Protein backbone atom coordinates (compact mmCIF):
# COMPACT_ATOMS: atom_id res chain seq x y z
CA MET A 1 43.50 46.09 202.44
CA PRO A 2 46.30 43.68 201.29
CA ALA A 3 48.61 45.39 203.96
CA LEU A 4 46.04 44.75 206.63
CA GLY A 5 45.84 41.08 205.71
CA PHE A 6 49.54 40.68 205.76
CA LEU A 7 49.69 42.31 209.15
CA VAL A 8 47.02 39.98 210.42
CA TYR A 9 48.95 36.99 209.02
CA LEU A 10 52.12 38.12 210.74
CA VAL A 11 50.44 38.70 214.15
CA VAL A 12 48.74 35.32 214.07
CA GLU A 13 51.80 33.37 212.95
CA ILE A 14 53.96 35.07 215.58
CA ALA A 15 51.46 34.57 218.27
CA ALA A 16 51.00 30.88 217.32
CA PHE A 17 54.66 30.15 217.24
CA THR A 18 55.17 31.95 220.56
CA ALA A 19 52.43 29.88 222.10
CA VAL A 20 53.95 26.62 220.81
CA VAL A 21 57.44 27.74 222.11
CA ALA A 22 55.96 28.43 225.45
CA TRP A 23 54.07 25.08 225.53
CA LEU A 24 56.66 22.71 224.02
CA GLY A 25 59.95 24.60 223.93
CA ALA A 26 62.00 26.17 221.18
CA ILE A 27 63.58 23.05 219.65
CA PRO A 28 60.31 20.94 219.55
CA ALA A 29 58.44 24.02 218.07
CA ILE A 30 60.96 24.32 215.24
CA LEU A 31 60.85 20.55 214.70
CA LEU A 32 57.00 20.72 214.57
CA LEU A 33 57.25 23.43 211.96
CA ILE A 34 59.62 21.37 209.81
CA VAL A 35 57.67 18.18 210.18
CA SER A 36 54.40 19.76 209.28
CA SER A 37 56.00 21.37 206.14
CA ALA A 38 57.61 18.04 205.17
CA ALA A 39 54.42 16.10 205.61
CA GLY A 40 52.64 18.61 203.47
CA MET A 41 55.26 18.44 200.66
CA LEU A 42 55.03 14.61 200.75
CA LEU A 43 51.23 14.75 200.28
CA LEU A 44 51.26 17.23 197.42
CA GLY A 45 52.10 14.66 194.65
CA SER A 46 49.63 11.97 195.72
CA GLN A 47 46.77 14.52 196.28
CA TRP A 48 47.33 16.11 192.83
CA ARG A 49 47.28 12.62 191.24
CA ARG A 50 44.07 11.85 193.16
CA VAL A 51 42.48 15.13 192.02
CA GLY A 52 43.44 14.34 188.40
CA GLU A 53 41.82 10.96 188.75
CA GLN A 54 38.64 12.69 190.10
CA PHE A 55 38.60 14.95 187.05
CA ARG A 56 38.87 11.92 184.77
CA ARG A 57 36.05 10.13 186.66
CA ALA A 58 33.93 13.31 186.39
CA SER A 59 34.52 13.53 182.65
CA ARG A 60 33.28 10.00 182.31
CA GLY A 61 30.23 10.85 184.41
CA GLU A 62 31.06 8.57 187.31
CA ILE A 63 31.02 11.43 190.02
CA THR A 64 29.68 14.85 189.99
CA PRO A 65 31.97 17.59 188.59
CA GLY A 66 31.36 19.88 191.61
CA ALA A 67 33.18 17.49 194.04
CA ALA A 68 36.20 17.16 191.70
CA VAL A 69 36.38 21.02 191.27
CA ALA A 70 35.97 21.64 195.02
CA ASP A 71 38.70 19.03 195.87
CA GLY A 72 40.93 20.57 193.17
CA ALA A 73 40.47 24.08 194.61
CA LEU A 74 41.08 22.80 198.16
CA VAL A 75 44.25 20.86 197.22
CA GLY A 76 45.46 24.03 195.23
CA LEU A 77 44.78 26.26 198.25
CA GLY A 78 46.48 23.75 200.60
CA SER A 79 49.48 23.52 198.29
CA LEU A 80 49.77 27.32 198.28
CA LEU A 81 49.59 27.39 202.11
CA MET A 82 52.25 24.75 202.37
CA PHE A 83 54.64 27.17 200.60
CA VAL A 84 53.83 30.09 202.79
CA PRO A 85 56.08 30.15 205.89
CA GLY A 86 54.48 29.74 209.24
CA LEU A 87 53.08 27.11 211.56
CA VAL A 88 49.44 28.14 211.20
CA THR A 89 49.49 28.15 207.39
CA SER A 90 51.35 24.81 207.33
CA VAL A 91 48.84 23.16 209.59
CA VAL A 92 45.80 24.66 207.71
CA GLY A 93 47.46 23.59 204.35
CA LEU A 94 48.10 20.10 205.76
CA LEU A 95 44.44 19.84 206.78
CA MET A 96 43.26 20.95 203.27
CA LEU A 97 45.55 18.19 201.71
CA LEU A 98 44.29 15.37 203.82
CA PRO A 99 41.09 13.72 202.25
CA PRO A 100 39.09 13.25 205.51
CA THR A 101 39.47 16.86 206.67
CA ARG A 102 39.03 18.14 203.16
CA ALA A 103 35.43 16.89 203.26
CA LEU A 104 34.99 19.30 206.17
CA PHE A 105 36.28 22.31 204.06
CA ARG A 106 34.05 21.51 201.01
CA PRO A 107 30.64 23.00 202.47
CA VAL A 108 32.60 26.17 203.44
CA LEU A 109 34.05 26.41 199.96
CA ALA A 110 30.64 25.83 198.33
CA ALA A 111 29.02 28.53 200.47
CA LEU A 112 31.78 30.98 199.66
CA ALA A 113 31.59 30.25 196.01
CA ALA A 114 27.79 30.54 195.96
CA ARG A 115 27.92 33.93 197.70
CA ARG A 116 30.53 35.16 195.24
CA VAL A 117 28.54 34.01 192.22
CA ALA A 118 25.41 35.59 193.49
CA LYS A 119 27.31 38.86 194.03
CA ILE A 120 28.65 38.75 190.43
CA ALA A 121 25.13 37.84 189.05
CA ALA A 122 23.60 40.68 190.89
CA ALA A 123 26.13 43.20 189.56
CA ALA A 124 25.93 42.03 185.93
CA PRO A 125 23.32 43.99 183.87
CA TYR A 126 20.58 42.05 182.28
CA ARG A 127 20.62 42.30 178.48
CA PRO A 128 17.86 40.28 176.77
CA THR A 129 18.73 38.68 173.56
CA VAL A 130 16.51 39.47 170.62
CA ILE A 131 16.80 37.34 167.44
CA ASP A 132 15.27 38.78 164.34
CA ALA A 133 15.07 35.93 161.81
CA ASP A 134 12.77 34.44 159.17
CA ILE A 135 10.89 31.31 160.09
CA VAL A 136 10.82 28.52 157.57
CA ASP A 137 8.26 25.79 157.85
CA GLY A 138 9.52 22.34 157.16
CA VAL A 139 9.13 18.69 157.74
CA VAL A 140 11.37 16.64 159.94
CA VAL A 141 12.60 13.49 158.19
CA SER A 142 13.23 10.61 160.51
CA GLU A 143 14.80 8.36 157.81
CA TRP A 144 18.36 8.64 156.55
CA TYR A 145 19.16 8.12 152.93
CA THR A 146 22.62 7.52 151.49
CA ASP A 147 23.90 8.20 148.07
CA GLU A 148 25.26 4.76 147.49
CA ARG A 149 25.68 3.55 143.90
CA PRO A 150 24.29 0.26 142.82
CA LYS A 151 26.53 -2.83 143.09
CA SER A 152 26.58 -3.62 139.43
CA GLY A 153 27.65 -1.22 136.72
CA THR A 154 24.39 -1.25 134.79
CA THR A 155 20.78 -1.20 135.79
CA LEU A 156 19.48 -2.88 132.63
CA GLU A 157 18.72 -6.57 132.45
CA LEU A 158 20.40 -8.16 129.50
CA ARG A 159 19.38 -11.50 128.19
CA PRO A 160 21.79 -13.66 126.32
CA ALA A 161 21.16 -13.83 122.53
CA ALA A 162 21.26 -17.58 122.37
CA THR A 163 18.26 -17.86 124.63
CA GLU A 164 16.30 -15.43 122.37
CA GLN A 165 17.26 -17.38 119.19
CA ARG A 166 16.10 -20.75 120.81
CA ASN A 167 12.84 -19.18 121.76
CA GLN A 168 12.23 -17.89 118.19
CA GLY A 169 12.99 -21.24 116.59
CA GLU A 170 10.66 -23.37 118.67
CA PRO A 171 6.90 -23.52 117.79
CA ALA A 172 4.67 -21.98 120.28
């Protein structure tokens, strides 16, 4: 199967490059290949920073994590396609790196991921979890107590001795 995929890749790239050479000429076709690769390489750094910022925003709860993960996957795939030689892979990689066109790829990625997850879930055997444990009845306490010690060293009240003597000497 991988050999068939590689063969399809070669045929598509050769056919596309031949069509561009017939349409524009050899030198413009080579320049188009170089320019598309250079533009993609320039976009890589800024788009990875943007994806990192989306992950930070998702961790703070400002955006949904699904959008950040989808953009991360698309930027990763676009980066990979930029390193694969060929005009078609460079153009598709460039489209995955550009934010406006990346929004067009998101639903396709979500559909592929949903299909893959459904296939994995269907193949996994169901194993119910049985927990054998003792049940302890209890009361939920909603107040919190601390083990703080009293501020003074003693809890007894001491009266000065002079006050007691004055009280004894005075007639009642």
